Amino acid sequence: MKILDKYILKKYFVSLFFTLLILIPIAIAIDVSEKVDKFIKNIDLTFSEIINDYYLNFVISYTNQFLPLALFISVILFTSKLSANTEIIAVLSSGISYKRFLRPYLIGASIIAVFSLYSNHFIVPKSNKTFEEFYEKYLRGKKKSKTYVRKVNLQLTNNDLVYIGNFNLKNNNGYYFSYEHFDGNKLKYKLIGQSIKWNKEDSTYHISNFKKRYIKEGRDIIKTGVNFDTIFDFLPKDLVYVDYLAKEMQSPELAEHIAISEKRGVKNLNNYKVELSKRTSLPISAFILTIIAVSLASKKRRGGIGVSLAIGISLMFIYVFFLKVSEVLGSAPGSNPLLMVWLPNIIFGILAFFLFRYANK
């Protein structure tokens, strides 16, 4: 690695670090001012719990959110300073091409992207889980998890279907239960129960006032009874689909959850798919935002750093706006979540290409 690469990479990471060092404490100060009264009211809450369970995970979460913004601002700032000091002109005048000049920026973006990918898929979800548990216990007051679901359809396998009219997740008791087993398109067995209760001790289901129907060639066999215990391949938690749970699952677990839920016939899982796709699309934006920032800031302007910074921040807010809109649209039933999540990167990727061509000239 040449001196130029080391010089730019050092400025790349130092500028990013100090930008985050400015943004994160501001976010913490605002949050402390909003939550301090709630912390004081919880007399059993210790200072170490506030730091370790809340603010440590708060920093992880907000660093992940601020990273694209901090990266973009930091690259514009130090590149504009290089341009203002005519350092970029000196580098290009020495025979180094613009593409070669861009290489250390892309190396820095690669390091950030790899770190962010691992963080988004594994570290942040685990952090979110601890953060949400603390928030629910001490700050929220009311639990946001569902305790009652109605008209639930589950497809356990390609041949097994379950329907529950209503189910109370608090006492694990439900009503109007039916189970159907198919052989291809032909119904072979059906179980109907007036009520169903899950026994946590042995993971069995107790069905009351049941009727079994065996469908044979030319005749049906019907059996009835009062009580019946059996096992099914689902748990009560599988009956409810809460959007915030996606943020608490590591990516392998989330991908498996999506696959199982689709197999069971859950209608709209776009919130989960958006969350999974976003964990990859956001780190990849490090390359796009770096190229845009360098292309904007490498040209020496009459207004100095302020002009480049103003243009860059405006583009950054447009990008964040597109991100939020695409998440909402991607979560809507019938939309393509993968396309919607990647659409901001596609649009700004095209912008980065044209800005790079212009700067390269």
Protein backbone atom coordinates (compact mmCIF):
# COMPACT_ATOMS: atom_id res chain seq x y z
CA MET A 1 0.00 0.00 0.00
CA LYS A 2 1.44 3.34 -1.06
CA ILE A 3 1.78 6.51 1.02
CA LEU A 4 -1.24 8.05 -0.76
CA ASP A 5 -3.46 5.11 0.20
CA LYS A 6 -2.39 5.24 3.84
CA TYR A 7 -2.84 9.01 3.94
CA ILE A 8 -6.40 8.94 2.55
CA LEU A 9 -7.44 5.85 4.55
CA LYS A 10 -6.24 7.47 7.77
CA LYS A 11 -8.30 10.57 7.05
CA TYR A 12 -11.25 8.36 5.98
CA PHE A 13 -11.49 6.52 9.30
CA VAL A 14 -10.43 9.40 11.57
CA SER A 15 -13.06 11.68 10.01
CA LEU A 16 -15.72 8.95 10.30
CA PHE A 17 -14.83 8.32 13.94
CA PHE A 18 -15.04 12.00 14.91
CA THR A 19 -18.30 12.47 12.99
CA LEU A 20 -19.86 9.58 14.94
CA LEU A 21 -18.31 11.01 18.10
CA ILE A 22 -20.29 14.19 17.49
CA LEU A 23 -23.61 12.59 16.46
CA ILE A 24 -23.90 9.78 19.05
CA PRO A 25 -23.40 11.91 22.21
CA ILE A 26 -26.04 14.33 20.92
CA ALA A 27 -28.49 11.44 20.50
CA ILE A 28 -27.62 10.15 24.00
CA ALA A 29 -28.07 13.62 25.56
CA ILE A 30 -31.51 14.01 23.95
CA ASP A 31 -32.55 10.52 25.07
CA VAL A 32 -31.33 11.06 28.65
CA SER A 33 -33.35 14.28 28.91
CA GLU A 34 -36.47 12.39 27.80
CA LYS A 35 -35.98 9.26 29.95
CA VAL A 36 -34.35 10.53 33.16
CA ASP A 37 -37.66 10.85 35.03
CA LYS A 38 -38.61 7.26 34.14
CA PHE A 39 -35.22 6.00 35.29
CA ILE A 40 -35.67 7.75 38.64
CA LYS A 41 -39.18 6.31 39.13
CA ASN A 42 -37.87 2.74 38.86
CA ILE A 43 -36.24 2.40 42.27
CA ASP A 44 -35.01 -1.15 41.53
CA LEU A 45 -33.16 0.00 38.42
CA THR A 46 -29.39 0.25 38.96
CA PHE A 47 -26.93 2.54 37.19
CA SER A 48 -25.05 -0.45 35.72
CA GLU A 49 -28.29 -1.80 34.19
CA ILE A 50 -28.98 1.57 32.57
CA ILE A 51 -25.49 1.66 31.09
CA ASN A 52 -25.06 -2.03 30.12
CA ASP A 53 -28.60 -3.02 29.13
CA TYR A 54 -29.89 0.25 27.72
CA TYR A 55 -27.26 2.77 26.62
CA LEU A 56 -24.68 0.27 25.40
CA ASN A 57 -27.32 -1.21 23.08
CA PHE A 58 -28.63 2.28 22.33
CA VAL A 59 -25.17 3.23 21.02
CA ILE A 60 -24.96 0.04 18.91
CA SER A 61 -28.39 0.66 17.40
CA TYR A 62 -27.88 4.36 16.68
CA THR A 63 -24.35 3.86 15.35
CA ASN A 64 -25.83 1.43 12.86
CA GLN A 65 -28.50 3.98 11.87
CA PHE A 66 -26.12 6.96 11.71
CA LEU A 67 -23.31 5.15 9.88
CA PRO A 68 -24.38 6.02 6.29
CA LEU A 69 -24.97 9.66 7.25
CA ALA A 70 -21.70 9.90 9.20
CA LEU A 71 -19.76 8.22 6.39
CA PHE A 72 -21.14 10.57 3.77
CA ILE A 73 -20.51 13.73 5.80
CA SER A 74 -17.00 12.69 6.84
CA VAL A 75 -15.92 11.86 3.27
CA ILE A 76 -17.25 15.19 2.00
CA LEU A 77 -15.53 17.12 4.79
CA PHE A 78 -12.01 15.73 4.47
CA THR A 79 -12.14 15.44 0.66
CA SER A 80 -13.28 19.07 0.39
CA LYS A 81 -10.40 20.05 2.63
CA LEU A 82 -7.98 18.13 0.39
CA SER A 83 -9.43 19.92 -2.61
CA ALA A 84 -9.28 23.35 -0.93
CA ASN A 85 -5.60 22.77 -0.14
CA THR A 86 -5.03 21.80 -3.82
CA GLU A 87 -3.76 18.40 -2.67
CA ILE A 88 -6.05 16.59 -5.12
CA ILE A 89 -4.79 18.73 -8.00
CA ALA A 90 -1.21 17.88 -7.01
CA VAL A 91 -2.02 14.14 -6.89
CA LEU A 92 -3.72 14.13 -10.29
CA SER A 93 -1.00 16.33 -11.83
CA SER A 94 1.62 13.76 -10.83
CA GLY A 95 0.14 11.31 -13.32
CA ILE A 96 -2.16 9.37 -10.98
CA SER A 97 -5.54 8.70 -12.60
CA TYR A 98 -8.82 9.60 -10.92
CA LYS A 99 -9.70 5.90 -10.67
CA ARG A 100 -6.42 5.24 -8.87
CA PHE A 101 -7.08 8.20 -6.58
CA LEU A 102 -10.46 6.66 -5.73
CA ARG A 103 -8.97 3.28 -4.73
CA PRO A 104 -8.24 4.02 -1.02
CA TYR A 105 -11.77 5.39 -0.66
CA LEU A 106 -13.18 2.11 -1.97
CA ILE A 107 -10.87 0.14 0.33
CA GLY A 108 -12.24 2.12 3.26
CA ALA A 109 -15.81 1.59 2.05
CA SER A 110 -15.13 -2.16 1.76
CA ILE A 111 -13.93 -2.34 5.37
CA ILE A 112 -16.99 -0.41 6.56
CA ALA A 113 -19.31 -2.56 4.42
CA VAL A 114 -17.93 -5.86 5.75
CA PHE A 115 -18.09 -4.64 9.35
CA SER A 116 -21.61 -3.30 8.83
CA LEU A 117 -22.80 -6.52 7.15
CA TYR A 118 -21.67 -8.67 10.07
CA SER A 119 -23.04 -6.16 12.55
CA ASN A 120 -26.45 -5.89 10.85
CA HIS A 121 -26.93 -9.63 10.50
CA PHE A 122 -25.67 -10.77 13.90
CA ILE A 123 -24.70 -8.08 16.44
CA VAL A 124 -27.50 -5.52 16.06
CA PRO A 125 -30.42 -8.04 16.30
CA LYS A 126 -28.97 -9.47 19.51
CA SER A 127 -28.50 -5.95 20.83
CA ASN A 128 -32.07 -5.01 19.86
CA LYS A 129 -33.44 -7.93 21.86
CA THR A 130 -31.71 -6.80 25.08
CA PHE A 131 -32.69 -3.19 24.38
CA GLU A 132 -36.37 -4.10 23.84
CA GLU A 133 -36.50 -6.25 26.99
CA PHE A 134 -35.16 -3.36 29.06
CA TYR A 135 -37.48 -0.86 27.35
CA GLU A 136 -40.53 -3.03 27.91
CA LYS A 137 -39.68 -3.74 31.54
CA TYR A 138 -38.83 -0.22 32.70
CA LEU A 139 -39.95 2.38 30.17
CA ARG A 140 -42.89 1.28 28.08
CA GLY A 141 -45.36 0.47 30.84
CA LYS A 142 -47.59 -1.61 28.59
CA LYS A 143 -46.41 -4.64 26.72
CA LYS A 144 -46.67 -4.39 22.98
CA SER A 145 -46.83 -8.15 22.38
CA LYS A 146 -50.17 -9.63 21.32
CA THR A 147 -52.07 -11.84 23.77
CA TYR A 148 -55.03 -12.79 21.58
CA VAL A 149 -55.30 -13.89 17.93
CA ARG A 150 -58.27 -14.75 15.75
CA LYS A 151 -58.87 -16.84 12.62
CA VAL A 152 -55.39 -18.32 12.31
CA ASN A 153 -54.50 -20.61 9.39
CA LEU A 154 -51.26 -22.59 9.48
CA GLN A 155 -49.85 -24.93 6.86
CA LEU A 156 -47.66 -27.31 8.86
CA THR A 157 -46.53 -29.33 5.83
CA ASN A 158 -47.63 -29.67 2.20
CA ASN A 159 -50.36 -32.05 3.38
CA ASP A 160 -51.31 -30.74 6.84
CA LEU A 161 -53.44 -27.68 7.61
CA VAL A 162 -54.53 -26.20 10.94
CA TYR A 163 -57.24 -23.63 11.67
CA ILE A 164 -58.00 -22.00 15.05
CA GLY A 165 -60.96 -19.63 15.46
CA ASN A 166 -59.39 -17.77 18.38
CA PHE A 167 -56.47 -18.36 20.73
CA ASN A 168 -55.42 -16.71 23.98
CA LEU A 169 -51.61 -16.60 24.15
CA LYS A 170 -51.67 -15.75 27.84
CA ASN A 171 -53.33 -18.97 29.02
CA ASN A 172 -52.55 -21.01 25.86
CA ASN A 173 -56.20 -21.85 25.31
CA GLY A 174 -58.16 -21.66 22.05
CA TYR A 175 -61.53 -22.51 20.50
CA TYR A 176 -62.94 -23.80 17.20
CA PHE A 177 -59.98 -25.94 16.22
CA SER A 178 -59.62 -28.08 13.10
CA TYR A 179 -56.80 -30.15 11.61
CA GLU A 180 -56.85 -31.57 8.07
CA HIS A 181 -54.55 -34.09 6.42
CA PHE A 182 -54.46 -34.39 2.62
CA ASP A 183 -53.04 -36.90 0.19
CA GLY A 184 -52.41 -34.68 -2.79
CA ASN A 185 -55.72 -32.90 -3.33
CA LYS A 186 -57.79 -35.51 -1.47
CA LEU A 187 -58.81 -35.03 2.16
CA LYS A 188 -57.93 -38.17 4.13
CA TYR A 189 -58.38 -37.18 7.77
CA LYS A 190 -60.00 -34.35 9.69
CA LEU A 191 -59.97 -33.56 13.39
CA ILE A 192 -62.38 -31.00 14.87
CA GLY A 193 -62.31 -29.80 18.48
CA GLN A 194 -64.44 -27.32 20.38
CA SER A 195 -61.39 -26.18 22.35
CA ILE A 196 -57.63 -26.71 22.34
CA LYS A 197 -55.10 -26.11 25.12
CA TRP A 198 -51.31 -26.33 24.98
CA ASN A 199 -49.58 -28.02 27.91
CA LYS A 200 -46.20 -26.40 28.41
CA GLU A 201 -44.93 -29.24 30.63
CA ASP A 202 -44.99 -31.97 27.98
CA SER A 203 -45.56 -29.83 24.81
CA THR A 204 -48.81 -31.61 23.98
CA TYR A 205 -52.21 -30.24 22.95
CA HIS A 206 -55.36 -31.18 24.83
CA ILE A 207 -58.47 -31.15 22.62
CA SER A 208 -61.98 -31.19 24.14
CA ASN A 209 -65.25 -32.35 22.55
CA PHE A 210 -63.54 -33.68 19.46
CA LYS A 211 -64.67 -35.45 16.32
CA LYS A 212 -62.34 -37.48 14.09
CA ARG A 213 -63.24 -38.22 10.49
CA TYR A 214 -61.34 -40.85 8.47
CA ILE A 215 -62.14 -40.68 4.77
CA LYS A 216 -61.86 -44.10 3.11
CA GLU A 217 -62.78 -45.36 -0.34
CA GLY A 218 -66.55 -45.40 -0.48
CA ARG A 219 -67.14 -44.72 3.23
CA ASP A 220 -66.21 -42.45 6.15
CA ILE A 221 -65.36 -43.47 9.70
CA ILE A 222 -66.33 -40.96 12.39
CA LYS A 223 -65.21 -41.11 16.02
CA THR A 224 -66.18 -38.68 18.77
CA GLY A 225 -64.98 -38.14 22.31
CA VAL A 226 -64.62 -35.72 25.21
CA ASN A 227 -60.85 -35.44 25.69
CA PHE A 228 -57.91 -36.16 23.42
CA ASP A 229 -54.17 -35.41 23.75
CA THR A 230 -51.89 -35.17 20.73
CA ILE A 231 -48.77 -33.46 19.35
CA PHE A 232 -48.59 -30.91 16.51
CA ASP A 233 -45.57 -29.35 14.85
CA PHE A 234 -46.23 -25.78 16.00
CA LEU A 235 -46.07 -23.74 19.19
CA PRO A 236 -48.43 -20.99 20.41
CA LYS A 237 -45.84 -18.34 19.53
CA ASP A 238 -46.11 -19.45 15.88
CA LEU A 239 -49.70 -18.20 15.81
CA VAL A 240 -48.74 -14.55 16.15
CA TYR A 241 -46.65 -12.50 13.75
CA VAL A 242 -45.39 -9.26 15.28
CA ASP A 243 -43.31 -6.91 13.14
CA TYR A 244 -40.87 -5.82 15.85
CA LEU A 245 -39.73 -9.44 16.37
CA ALA A 246 -37.96 -9.29 12.99
CA LYS A 247 -35.47 -6.77 14.39
CA GLU A 248 -34.62 -9.11 17.27
CA MET A 249 -33.83 -12.17 15.12
CA GLN A 250 -30.39 -12.85 13.72
CA SER A 251 -30.52 -13.28 9.96
CA PRO A 252 -30.33 -17.12 9.77
CA GLU A 253 -33.17 -17.33 12.30
CA LEU A 254 -35.15 -14.64 10.46
CA ALA A 255 -34.70 -16.37 7.08
CA GLU A 256 -35.83 -19.67 8.59
CA HIS A 257 -38.81 -17.96 10.21
CA ILE A 258 -39.85 -16.46 6.85
CA ALA A 259 -39.52 -19.84 5.10
CA ILE A 260 -41.57 -21.68 7.74
CA SER A 261 -44.21 -18.94 7.85
CA GLU A 262 -44.60 -18.99 4.05
CA LYS A 263 -44.97 -22.76 4.17
CA ARG A 264 -47.67 -22.36 6.80
CA GLY A 265 -49.63 -19.96 4.64
CA VAL A 266 -49.04 -16.66 6.45
CA LYS A 267 -50.36 -14.01 4.07
CA ASN A 268 -48.10 -10.96 4.47
CA LEU A 269 -44.49 -11.36 5.60
CA ASN A 270 -43.19 -8.31 3.77
CA ASN A 271 -42.16 -6.56 7.00
CA TYR A 272 -39.87 -9.48 7.77
CA LYS A 273 -38.51 -9.58 4.20
CA VAL A 274 -37.87 -5.83 4.24
CA GLU A 275 -35.90 -6.15 7.48
CA LEU A 276 -33.83 -9.04 6.10
CA SER A 277 -33.05 -7.28 2.80
CA LYS A 278 -32.28 -3.98 4.53
CA ARG A 279 -29.49 -5.61 6.52
CA THR A 280 -27.58 -6.15 3.27
CA SER A 281 -28.63 -3.12 1.23
CA LEU A 282 -27.61 -0.55 3.87
CA PRO A 283 -23.95 -1.71 4.15
CA ILE A 284 -23.62 -1.83 0.35
CA SER A 285 -24.64 1.84 0.28
CA ALA A 286 -21.18 2.61 1.75
CA PHE A 287 -19.71 2.24 -1.75
CA ILE A 288 -22.39 4.37 -3.42
CA LEU A 289 -22.28 7.16 -0.84
CA THR A 290 -18.47 7.22 -0.85
CA ILE A 291 -18.32 7.60 -4.64
CA ILE A 292 -20.96 10.36 -4.59
CA ALA A 293 -19.18 12.20 -1.76
CA VAL A 294 -15.76 12.03 -3.44
CA SER A 295 -17.19 13.08 -6.83
CA LEU A 296 -18.89 16.10 -5.26
CA ALA A 297 -16.05 17.19 -2.98
CA SER A 298 -12.97 16.53 -5.14
CA LYS A 299 -13.67 19.55 -7.34
CA LYS A 300 -12.40 22.84 -5.96
CA ARG A 301 -15.34 25.23 -5.66
CA ARG A 302 -15.49 28.98 -5.28
CA GLY A 303 -17.71 28.71 -2.20
CA GLY A 304 -15.28 26.32 -0.49
CA ILE A 305 -16.23 23.37 1.74
CA GLY A 306 -19.63 24.87 2.58
CA VAL A 307 -21.02 24.46 -0.96
CA SER A 308 -19.98 20.80 -1.23
CA LEU A 309 -21.30 20.11 2.26
CA ALA A 310 -24.65 21.77 1.51
CA ILE A 311 -25.11 19.76 -1.70
CA GLY A 312 -24.02 16.57 0.04
CA ILE A 313 -26.34 16.97 3.03
CA SER A 314 -29.25 17.72 0.69
CA LEU A 315 -28.55 14.51 -1.24
CA MET A 316 -28.17 12.61 2.03
CA PHE A 317 -31.60 13.70 3.27
CA ILE A 318 -33.12 12.74 -0.08
CA TYR A 319 -31.48 9.31 0.24
CA VAL A 320 -32.78 8.82 3.80
CA PHE A 321 -36.25 9.91 2.62
CA PHE A 322 -36.13 7.33 -0.18
CA LEU A 323 -35.02 4.68 2.33
CA LYS A 324 -38.01 5.30 4.61
CA VAL A 325 -40.51 5.49 1.75
CA SER A 326 -39.16 2.28 0.20
CA GLU A 327 -39.46 0.46 3.54
CA VAL A 328 -43.10 1.50 3.90
CA LEU A 329 -43.96 0.59 0.30
CA GLY A 330 -42.02 -2.68 0.55
CA SER A 331 -44.00 -3.69 3.64
CA ALA A 332 -47.35 -3.22 1.89
CA PRO A 333 -49.18 -6.40 0.81
CA GLY A 334 -48.63 -7.29 -2.83
CA SER A 335 -45.40 -5.30 -3.23
CA ASN A 336 -41.94 -6.64 -4.02
CA PRO A 337 -39.96 -6.04 -0.80
CA LEU A 338 -36.58 -6.96 -2.32
CA LEU A 339 -36.98 -4.47 -5.17
CA MET A 340 -38.32 -1.69 -2.94
CA VAL A 341 -35.51 -2.04 -0.39
CA TRP A 342 -32.82 -1.92 -3.10
CA LEU A 343 -34.49 0.84 -5.13
CA PRO A 344 -32.73 3.76 -3.28
CA ASN A 345 -29.37 2.07 -3.89
CA ILE A 346 -30.24 1.53 -7.56
CA ILE A 347 -31.26 5.19 -8.06
CA PHE A 348 -28.29 6.62 -6.18
CA GLY A 349 -25.99 4.05 -7.78
CA ILE A 350 -26.92 5.49 -11.17
CA LEU A 351 -26.35 8.99 -9.78
CA ALA A 352 -22.94 7.89 -8.43
CA PHE A 353 -21.99 6.54 -11.88
CA PHE A 354 -22.77 9.81 -13.67
CA LEU A 355 -21.10 11.94 -10.97
CA PHE A 356 -18.00 9.77 -11.17
CA ARG A 357 -17.87 10.11 -14.98
CA TYR A 358 -18.22 13.88 -14.67
CA ALA A 359 -15.54 14.10 -11.97
CA ASN A 360 -13.26 11.79 -13.94
CA LYS A 361 -13.24 14.25 -16.84
